[in-house]
């Protein structure tokens, strides 16, 4: 089973580099490329890829706007931001637009491939540096304390439910679920679902 990927970056060299990095991954297939936000939307609609690797700064519509448009038109397509920018505002805007993840361009080839696979499975993926920034943003005297709704979301994560499944179970949008998942990662100081569940169990949040 292969995962189709659309590359979006306004630099030809970077797109070529990403293509080369993923070339040896037999289950990942690059089906198209785009250099602007508008091109990204057109290509996504034409190709319906499983995952879009989206740069944040793009001409003719930025990556956040393109992400929101693609997610509205193609709910099954996952968008992962791949950028050099890691400001709090950029991260939160991307998540709110429906991005399934936020990675920095210094991510290793192995981590990038694993992130694409995780996103295709419906998981949220964050670079450690991004998770750390989010943690700093929401840090409180007891950062491990989760809200009632976050605990509900985390319980369903522990059961292996996808973001779409959780949204249906709790009668909220998938984008809202992703926001909760990002907050959970930040509060627990983790960057993936398995680590979040383990941290919650260790903290006594989940039995």
Protein backbone atom coordinates (compact mmCIF):
# COMPACT_ATOMS: atom_id res chain seq x y z
CA UNK A 1 0.00 0.00 0.00
CA UNK A 2 1.52 3.31 -1.12
CA UNK A 3 1.05 6.84 0.17
CA UNK A 4 0.78 9.56 -2.49
CA UNK A 5 2.56 12.82 -1.67
CA UNK A 6 2.32 16.32 -3.16
CA UNK A 7 5.36 18.58 -2.63
CA UNK A 8 4.72 22.32 -2.25
CA UNK A 9 7.67 24.72 -2.04
CA UNK A 10 8.58 27.79 -4.06
CA UNK A 11 12.23 26.68 -4.33
CA UNK A 12 12.93 24.11 -7.05
CA UNK A 13 16.12 22.95 -5.31
CA UNK A 14 14.27 22.23 -2.07
CA UNK A 15 11.56 20.27 -3.86
CA UNK A 16 14.25 18.25 -5.62
CA UNK A 17 15.97 17.62 -2.31
CA UNK A 18 12.80 16.38 -0.64
CA UNK A 19 12.04 14.17 -3.63
CA UNK A 20 15.53 12.69 -3.38
CA UNK A 21 15.17 12.12 0.38
CA UNK A 22 11.94 10.15 -0.09
CA UNK A 23 13.02 8.36 -3.28
CA UNK A 24 14.11 5.17 -1.52
CA UNK A 25 10.92 4.87 0.54
CA UNK A 26 9.00 2.21 -1.37
CA UNK A 27 5.66 3.10 0.20
CA UNK A 28 5.90 6.86 -0.50
CA UNK A 29 5.23 8.12 -4.03
CA UNK A 30 5.66 11.75 -5.09
CA UNK A 31 2.73 12.38 -7.44
CA UNK A 32 3.19 16.10 -8.06
CA UNK A 33 4.83 19.40 -7.19
CA UNK A 34 3.68 23.00 -6.79
CA UNK A 35 5.50 26.28 -6.29
CA UNK A 36 2.70 28.62 -5.15
CA UNK A 37 -0.35 28.49 -2.93
CA UNK A 38 -2.69 28.62 -5.92
CA UNK A 39 -0.78 25.84 -7.69
CA UNK A 40 -0.91 23.74 -4.54
CA UNK A 41 -4.69 23.98 -4.38
CA UNK A 42 -5.09 23.14 -8.08
CA UNK A 43 -2.67 20.21 -7.87
CA UNK A 44 -4.31 18.84 -4.73
CA UNK A 45 -7.76 18.97 -6.33
CA UNK A 46 -6.46 17.25 -9.47
CA UNK A 47 -4.37 14.57 -7.72
CA UNK A 48 -6.16 14.09 -4.37
CA UNK A 49 -2.90 13.03 -2.65
CA UNK A 50 -2.85 11.28 0.70
CA UNK A 51 -0.40 13.83 2.13
CA UNK A 52 0.70 17.33 1.12
CA UNK A 53 4.09 18.56 2.33
CA UNK A 54 3.43 22.31 2.45
CA UNK A 55 5.89 25.18 2.79
CA UNK A 56 4.63 28.05 4.93
CA UNK A 57 5.85 31.04 2.92
CA UNK A 58 4.55 30.89 -0.65
CA UNK A 59 3.71 33.37 -3.41
CA UNK A 60 0.11 33.59 -4.65
CA UNK A 61 -1.38 32.55 -1.32
CA UNK A 62 0.55 31.40 1.75
CA UNK A 63 0.78 27.85 3.04
CA UNK A 64 -1.81 28.37 5.77
CA UNK A 65 -4.43 29.65 3.32
CA UNK A 66 -3.66 26.82 0.90
CA UNK A 67 -3.91 24.32 3.76
CA UNK A 68 -7.34 25.57 4.80
CA UNK A 69 -8.59 25.47 1.19
CA UNK A 70 -7.26 21.97 0.56
CA UNK A 71 -8.66 20.61 3.81
CA UNK A 72 -12.10 22.07 3.04
CA UNK A 73 -12.12 20.58 -0.47
CA UNK A 74 -10.38 17.27 0.33
CA UNK A 75 -11.07 16.09 3.90
CA UNK A 76 -9.12 12.86 3.34
CA UNK A 77 -5.94 14.68 2.31
CA UNK A 78 -3.55 15.42 5.19
CA UNK A 79 -1.39 18.53 5.08
CA UNK A 80 1.94 18.65 6.91
CA UNK A 81 3.70 22.01 7.13
CA UNK A 82 7.42 21.72 6.30
CA UNK A 83 9.14 25.03 6.94
CA UNK A 84 12.03 26.90 8.50
CA UNK A 85 9.68 29.09 10.57
CA UNK A 86 8.66 28.12 14.10
CA UNK A 87 6.99 31.14 15.66
CA UNK A 88 4.02 30.55 17.95
CA UNK A 89 1.71 32.45 15.61
CA UNK A 90 2.73 30.42 12.57
CA UNK A 91 2.29 27.13 14.39
CA UNK A 92 -1.14 27.97 15.80
CA UNK A 93 -2.39 29.37 12.47
CA UNK A 94 -1.33 26.19 10.69
CA UNK A 95 -3.04 23.94 13.21
CA UNK A 96 -6.21 26.02 13.13
CA UNK A 97 -6.20 25.79 9.31
CA UNK A 98 -6.30 22.01 9.60
CA UNK A 99 -2.65 20.99 9.25
CA UNK A 100 -1.96 17.45 10.45
CA UNK A 101 1.56 18.36 11.48
CA UNK A 102 4.31 20.96 11.62
CA UNK A 103 7.87 19.99 10.81
CA UNK A 104 11.05 21.99 10.42
CA UNK A 105 13.29 21.60 7.40
CA UNK A 106 16.14 20.26 9.53
CA UNK A 107 14.05 17.11 10.12
CA UNK A 108 16.04 13.98 9.24
CA UNK A 109 15.01 11.89 6.19
CA UNK A 110 13.89 9.02 8.43
CA UNK A 111 11.82 11.33 10.62
CA UNK A 112 10.26 12.97 7.57
CA UNK A 113 9.24 9.61 6.09
CA UNK A 114 7.78 8.49 9.40
CA UNK A 115 5.90 11.77 9.75
CA UNK A 116 4.33 11.35 6.30
CA UNK A 117 3.20 7.85 7.24
CA UNK A 118 1.82 9.03 10.58
CA UNK A 119 -0.07 11.89 8.93
CA UNK A 120 -1.54 9.48 6.38
CA UNK A 121 -2.81 7.39 9.32
CA UNK A 122 -4.58 10.46 10.70
CA UNK A 123 -2.05 11.24 13.41
CA UNK A 124 -0.69 14.66 14.38
CA UNK A 125 3.06 15.08 13.93
CA UNK A 126 5.24 17.82 15.42
CA UNK A 127 8.96 18.50 15.33
CA UNK A 128 10.39 18.38 18.86
CA UNK A 129 11.27 22.08 18.66
CA UNK A 130 7.69 22.92 17.69
CA UNK A 131 6.28 20.80 20.50
CA UNK A 132 8.63 22.57 22.90
CA UNK A 133 7.45 26.01 21.75
CA UNK A 134 3.84 25.01 22.22
CA UNK A 135 4.68 23.67 25.65
CA UNK A 136 6.32 26.95 26.62
CA UNK A 137 3.26 28.83 25.40
CA UNK A 138 0.78 26.89 27.51
CA UNK A 139 3.04 26.10 30.46
CA UNK A 140 1.34 26.49 33.83
CA UNK A 141 2.33 25.52 37.42
CA UNK A 142 1.25 21.97 36.57
CA UNK A 143 1.64 21.70 32.78
CA UNK A 144 0.55 18.07 32.85
CA UNK A 145 -2.97 19.05 33.94
CA UNK A 146 -5.43 18.49 31.12
CA UNK A 147 -8.93 19.88 30.76
CA UNK A 148 -11.92 17.54 30.89
CA UNK A 149 -12.27 17.68 27.11
CA UNK A 150 -8.55 17.05 26.57
CA UNK A 151 -8.78 13.96 28.77
CA UNK A 152 -11.76 12.77 26.71
CA UNK A 153 -9.75 13.24 23.52
CA UNK A 154 -6.70 11.52 24.99
CA UNK A 155 -8.76 8.51 26.12
CA UNK A 156 -9.94 8.04 22.53
CA UNK A 157 -6.37 8.49 21.27
CA UNK A 158 -5.34 5.68 23.63
CA UNK A 159 -7.99 3.48 22.00
CA UNK A 160 -6.38 4.05 18.61
CA UNK A 161 -9.09 6.33 17.26
CA UNK A 162 -8.16 8.71 14.43
CA UNK A 163 -8.84 12.43 14.60
CA UNK A 164 -11.83 11.96 12.32
CA UNK A 165 -13.19 9.19 14.56
CA UNK A 166 -12.73 11.32 17.67
CA UNK A 167 -14.52 14.23 16.02
CA UNK A 168 -17.51 12.04 15.26
CA UNK A 169 -17.53 10.53 18.74
CA UNK A 170 -17.42 13.92 20.48
CA UNK A 171 -19.49 15.82 17.90
CA UNK A 172 -16.72 18.30 17.11
CA UNK A 173 -14.80 19.05 13.93
CA UNK A 174 -11.62 17.23 13.00
CA UNK A 175 -9.76 20.57 13.07
CA UNK A 176 -10.91 21.08 16.67
CA UNK A 177 -9.67 17.61 17.56
CA UNK A 178 -6.26 18.45 16.09
CA UNK A 179 -6.13 21.59 18.19
CA UNK A 180 -6.85 19.54 21.32
CA UNK A 181 -4.18 17.00 20.35
CA UNK A 182 -1.60 19.76 19.87
CA UNK A 183 -2.47 21.19 23.28
CA UNK A 184 -2.19 17.74 24.86
CA UNK A 185 1.25 17.24 23.27
CA UNK A 186 2.32 20.65 24.54
CA UNK A 187 1.09 20.15 28.10
CA UNK A 188 2.64 16.71 28.38
CA UNK A 189 5.87 17.73 26.65
CA UNK A 190 5.66 15.04 23.96
CA UNK A 191 5.60 14.97 20.15
CA UNK A 192 3.54 11.89 19.27
CA UNK A 193 0.45 9.97 20.36
CA UNK A 194 2.19 6.99 21.91
CA UNK A 195 4.34 9.23 24.10
CA UNK A 196 1.26 11.25 25.10
CA UNK A 197 -0.59 8.15 26.28
CA UNK A 198 2.45 6.86 28.16
CA UNK A 199 2.99 10.25 29.84
CA UNK A 200 -0.67 10.43 30.82
CA UNK A 201 -0.58 6.96 32.33
CA UNK A 202 2.59 7.80 34.28
CA UNK A 203 0.99 11.01 35.55
CA UNK A 204 -2.16 9.18 36.61
CA UNK A 205 -4.33 11.03 34.07
CA UNK A 206 -5.24 7.73 32.37
CA UNK A 207 -5.52 4.40 34.12
